């Protein structure tokens, strides 16, 4: 259906509220199990690589960006950003499709870390001066670097949320904020030293491809009149 033919916007906040309440038990359980399973495998591979670890190269862009501890909040905000793509799905059919795409993306990343363990160069920094970032480094060592799943999931979420916001006829400011949040997370992955540019260049198209495929499938289902 063309945007011009859609019913008048009932109010973005109202529509988001309805979506938040829809199937919230299934969304909560699915998110919890999905993230727990991913991180269990992620940290297993991080701490017990099966093959020699390749250290990813620094580029001129990495040296230009440097270490910027203020971006830690943006980095951590991924774990608020990504769940939005799940909890704002409007039907069980779309929820299942989104979950399958997210699981596929995570599985591809884990398979990459399994067969090709990678890490970023060690930052020579006085961590006592940056205790918050030091906690991150102690929990999430700078391994499982390429492709950057932080970047991949940020781009995947931005595409899915972008399509969702378009469906809801959100204003251009809201849609722009979605992409600015994504770009902030990508930048923070580099500025916290958790990833280098090569990692991001591998993660971004991966997340983009899966996100595009998910949105294309959703559009085909709407066009064919499929319902949940």
Protein backbone atom coordinates (compact mmCIF):
# COMPACT_ATOMS: atom_id res chain seq x y z
CA UNK A 1 0.00 0.00 0.00
CA UNK A 2 1.34 3.42 -0.92
CA UNK A 3 2.05 5.82 1.95
CA UNK A 4 -0.52 8.24 0.59
CA UNK A 5 -3.22 5.55 0.78
CA UNK A 6 -2.56 4.60 4.40
CA UNK A 7 -4.95 5.72 7.14
CA UNK A 8 -4.05 8.88 9.06
CA UNK A 9 -1.29 8.57 11.60
CA UNK A 10 -2.86 7.76 14.99
CA UNK A 11 0.15 9.13 16.82
CA UNK A 12 3.56 7.57 16.83
CA UNK A 13 3.76 7.11 20.59
CA UNK A 14 0.37 5.41 20.70
CA UNK A 15 1.34 3.02 17.93
CA UNK A 16 4.65 2.22 19.60
CA UNK A 17 2.82 1.58 22.87
CA UNK A 18 0.50 -0.91 21.18
CA UNK A 19 3.46 -2.73 19.67
CA UNK A 20 5.29 -2.81 23.00
CA UNK A 21 2.34 -4.54 24.64
CA UNK A 22 1.80 -7.04 21.82
CA UNK A 23 3.07 -10.53 22.76
CA UNK A 24 5.40 -9.03 25.37
CA UNK A 25 5.89 -12.37 27.23
CA UNK A 26 7.10 -14.08 24.05
CA UNK A 27 9.33 -11.13 23.22
CA UNK A 28 10.84 -11.03 26.71
CA UNK A 29 11.50 -14.76 26.85
CA UNK A 30 12.86 -14.84 23.31
CA UNK A 31 15.21 -11.93 23.92
CA UNK A 32 16.48 -13.41 27.17
CA UNK A 33 17.12 -16.86 25.73
CA UNK A 34 18.57 -15.53 22.49
CA UNK A 35 21.02 -13.16 24.15
CA UNK A 36 21.98 -15.69 26.82
CA UNK A 37 22.72 -18.33 24.19
CA UNK A 38 24.70 -15.94 22.02
CA UNK A 39 26.86 -14.72 24.89
CA UNK A 40 27.46 -18.20 26.23
CA UNK A 41 28.91 -19.22 22.86
CA UNK A 42 30.62 -15.83 22.38
CA UNK A 43 32.58 -15.99 25.64
CA UNK A 44 33.36 -19.65 25.16
CA UNK A 45 35.04 -18.87 21.84
CA UNK A 46 36.62 -15.72 23.25
CA UNK A 47 38.32 -17.55 26.11
CA UNK A 48 39.01 -20.85 24.33
CA UNK A 49 39.88 -20.21 20.65
CA UNK A 50 40.43 -23.37 18.61
CA UNK A 51 43.02 -21.84 16.27
CA UNK A 52 45.81 -19.24 16.49
CA UNK A 53 44.45 -15.72 17.00
CA UNK A 54 45.06 -13.17 14.24
CA UNK A 55 45.66 -9.60 15.38
CA UNK A 56 43.82 -7.17 13.11
CA UNK A 57 45.81 -4.31 11.58
CA UNK A 58 45.49 -0.69 12.57
CA UNK A 59 44.78 1.81 9.80
CA UNK A 60 45.35 5.55 9.51
CA UNK A 61 41.68 6.07 10.42
CA UNK A 62 42.13 4.09 13.65
CA UNK A 63 45.10 6.28 14.60
CA UNK A 64 43.10 9.41 13.77
CA UNK A 65 40.16 8.37 15.96
CA UNK A 66 42.32 7.19 18.84
CA UNK A 67 40.98 6.29 22.27
CA UNK A 68 37.95 8.32 23.41
CA UNK A 69 36.57 6.96 26.69
CA UNK A 70 33.53 9.26 26.60
CA UNK A 71 32.06 7.00 23.89
CA UNK A 72 31.61 4.11 26.34
CA UNK A 73 27.96 5.07 26.95
CA UNK A 74 27.28 4.87 23.22
CA UNK A 75 29.00 1.50 23.04
CA UNK A 76 26.93 0.06 25.88
CA UNK A 77 23.72 1.55 24.46
CA UNK A 78 23.73 -1.20 21.81
CA UNK A 79 22.04 -3.42 24.40
CA UNK A 80 19.13 -0.98 24.55
CA UNK A 81 19.09 -0.33 20.82
CA UNK A 82 19.06 -3.90 19.53
CA UNK A 83 16.08 -5.13 21.62
CA UNK A 84 13.94 -2.33 20.16
CA UNK A 85 13.90 -4.16 16.84
CA UNK A 86 12.35 -7.16 18.56
CA UNK A 87 9.90 -5.58 20.98
CA UNK A 88 8.40 -3.26 18.34
CA UNK A 89 7.33 -6.07 16.00
CA UNK A 90 3.57 -5.99 15.47
CA UNK A 91 2.72 -9.65 14.86
CA UNK A 92 3.96 -13.11 15.68
CA UNK A 93 4.76 -13.72 12.03
CA UNK A 94 6.98 -10.65 11.88
CA UNK A 95 8.47 -11.50 15.26
CA UNK A 96 9.43 -14.97 14.06
CA UNK A 97 10.95 -13.53 10.90
CA UNK A 98 12.94 -10.96 12.86
CA UNK A 99 14.13 -13.56 15.37
CA UNK A 100 15.26 -15.88 12.58
CA UNK A 101 17.22 -13.07 10.94
CA UNK A 102 18.88 -12.04 14.21
CA UNK A 103 19.74 -15.65 15.06
CA UNK A 104 21.18 -16.17 11.60
CA UNK A 105 23.31 -13.06 11.94
CA UNK A 106 24.60 -14.15 15.34
CA UNK A 107 25.29 -17.70 14.12
CA UNK A 108 27.32 -16.42 11.17
CA UNK A 109 29.41 -14.25 13.47
CA UNK A 110 30.04 -17.10 15.90
CA UNK A 111 30.99 -19.43 13.04
CA UNK A 112 33.49 -16.80 11.85
CA UNK A 113 35.05 -16.59 15.32
CA UNK A 114 35.20 -20.37 15.49
CA UNK A 115 37.18 -20.87 12.29
CA UNK A 116 39.13 -17.58 12.36
CA UNK A 117 39.78 -16.18 15.86
CA UNK A 118 40.77 -12.51 15.74
CA UNK A 119 41.73 -9.76 18.17
CA UNK A 120 42.57 -6.08 18.09
CA UNK A 121 45.97 -4.67 19.10
CA UNK A 122 46.37 -4.08 22.83
CA UNK A 123 45.86 -0.44 23.78
CA UNK A 124 48.72 1.04 25.76
CA UNK A 125 46.57 3.02 28.18
CA UNK A 126 46.58 3.76 31.89
CA UNK A 127 43.36 1.92 32.72
CA UNK A 128 43.40 3.25 36.27
CA UNK A 129 42.47 6.60 34.76
CA UNK A 130 39.50 5.07 32.93
CA UNK A 131 37.91 2.59 35.36
CA UNK A 132 34.63 2.24 33.45
CA UNK A 133 36.37 1.23 30.24
CA UNK A 134 38.69 -1.01 32.26
CA UNK A 135 35.64 -2.94 33.49
CA UNK A 136 34.51 -3.42 29.89
CA UNK A 137 37.98 -4.66 28.92
CA UNK A 138 38.03 -7.10 31.81
CA UNK A 139 34.65 -8.57 30.86
CA UNK A 140 34.85 -8.37 27.06
CA UNK A 141 38.47 -8.85 26.08
CA UNK A 142 39.43 -7.45 22.68
CA UNK A 143 38.91 -10.74 20.86
CA UNK A 144 36.20 -12.01 18.51
CA UNK A 145 37.04 -8.87 16.60
CA UNK A 146 36.31 -9.47 12.92
CA UNK A 147 33.62 -9.14 11.80
CA UNK A 148 32.49 -6.72 14.48
CA UNK A 149 29.18 -8.07 15.71
CA UNK A 150 28.68 -4.83 17.60
CA UNK A 151 28.66 -3.02 14.27
CA UNK A 152 26.76 -5.77 12.47
CA UNK A 153 23.88 -5.76 14.96
CA UNK A 154 23.79 -1.96 15.03
CA UNK A 155 23.41 -1.75 11.25
CA UNK A 156 20.93 -4.66 11.19
CA UNK A 157 18.81 -2.91 13.83
CA UNK A 158 19.02 0.47 12.07
CA UNK A 159 17.66 -1.01 8.84
CA UNK A 160 14.87 -2.93 10.59
CA UNK A 161 13.89 0.05 12.75
CA UNK A 162 14.14 2.36 9.76
CA UNK A 163 11.61 0.29 7.86
CA UNK A 164 9.40 -0.03 10.92
CA UNK A 165 9.42 3.74 11.51
CA UNK A 166 8.58 4.31 7.87
CA UNK A 167 5.62 1.93 8.20
CA UNK A 168 4.48 3.96 11.21
CA UNK A 169 4.87 7.19 9.24
CA UNK A 170 7.32 8.59 11.76
CA UNK A 171 8.74 12.01 11.07
CA UNK A 172 12.09 12.57 9.39
CA UNK A 173 13.63 13.66 12.70
CA UNK A 174 12.81 10.34 14.38
CA UNK A 175 14.10 8.37 11.41
CA UNK A 176 17.29 10.42 11.35
CA UNK A 177 17.76 9.85 15.09
CA UNK A 178 17.62 6.11 14.45
CA UNK A 179 20.53 6.30 12.04
CA UNK A 180 22.47 8.74 14.21
CA UNK A 181 22.20 6.28 17.11
CA UNK A 182 23.50 3.51 14.86
CA UNK A 183 26.41 5.63 13.64
CA UNK A 184 27.23 6.60 17.24
CA UNK A 185 27.44 2.94 18.22
CA UNK A 186 29.65 2.16 15.22
CA UNK A 187 31.94 5.06 16.07
CA UNK A 188 32.11 4.01 19.72
CA UNK A 189 33.23 0.50 18.73
CA UNK A 190 36.33 2.13 17.26
CA UNK A 191 36.79 4.88 19.83
CA UNK A 192 36.71 2.51 22.81
CA UNK A 193 39.38 0.35 21.19
CA UNK A 194 37.11 -2.69 21.08
CA UNK A 195 37.36 -2.85 17.30
CA UNK A 196 39.37 -1.45 14.43
CA UNK A 197 38.18 -0.13 11.08
CA UNK A 198 38.72 -3.46 9.31
CA UNK A 199 36.36 -5.12 11.81
CA UNK A 200 33.71 -2.48 11.19
CA UNK A 201 34.06 -2.73 7.41
CA UNK A 202 33.39 -6.47 7.71
CA UNK A 203 30.53 -6.14 10.20
CA UNK A 204 28.58 -3.32 8.53
CA UNK A 205 27.78 -5.08 5.22
CA UNK A 206 27.00 -8.30 7.08
CA UNK A 207 24.42 -6.58 9.25
CA UNK A 208 23.19 -4.58 6.27
CA UNK A 209 22.61 -7.66 4.13
CA UNK A 210 20.67 -9.51 6.83
CA UNK A 211 18.66 -6.40 7.70
CA UNK A 212 17.80 -5.75 4.06
CA UNK A 213 16.76 -9.37 3.53
CA UNK A 214 14.49 -9.20 6.59
CA UNK A 215 12.84 -5.99 5.43
CA UNK A 216 12.43 -7.31 1.88
CA UNK A 217 10.72 -10.43 3.20
CA UNK A 218 8.39 -8.32 5.32
CA UNK A 219 7.50 -6.17 2.32
CA UNK A 220 6.72 -9.25 0.21
CA UNK A 221 4.43 -10.64 2.90
CA UNK A 222 2.52 -7.36 3.10
CA UNK A 223 2.24 -7.17 -0.68
CA UNK A 224 0.82 -10.69 -0.87
CA UNK A 225 -1.70 -9.96 1.87
CA UNK A 226 -0.12 -12.39 4.38
CA UNK A 227 -1.31 -12.06 7.97
CA UNK A 228 0.02 -13.26 11.30
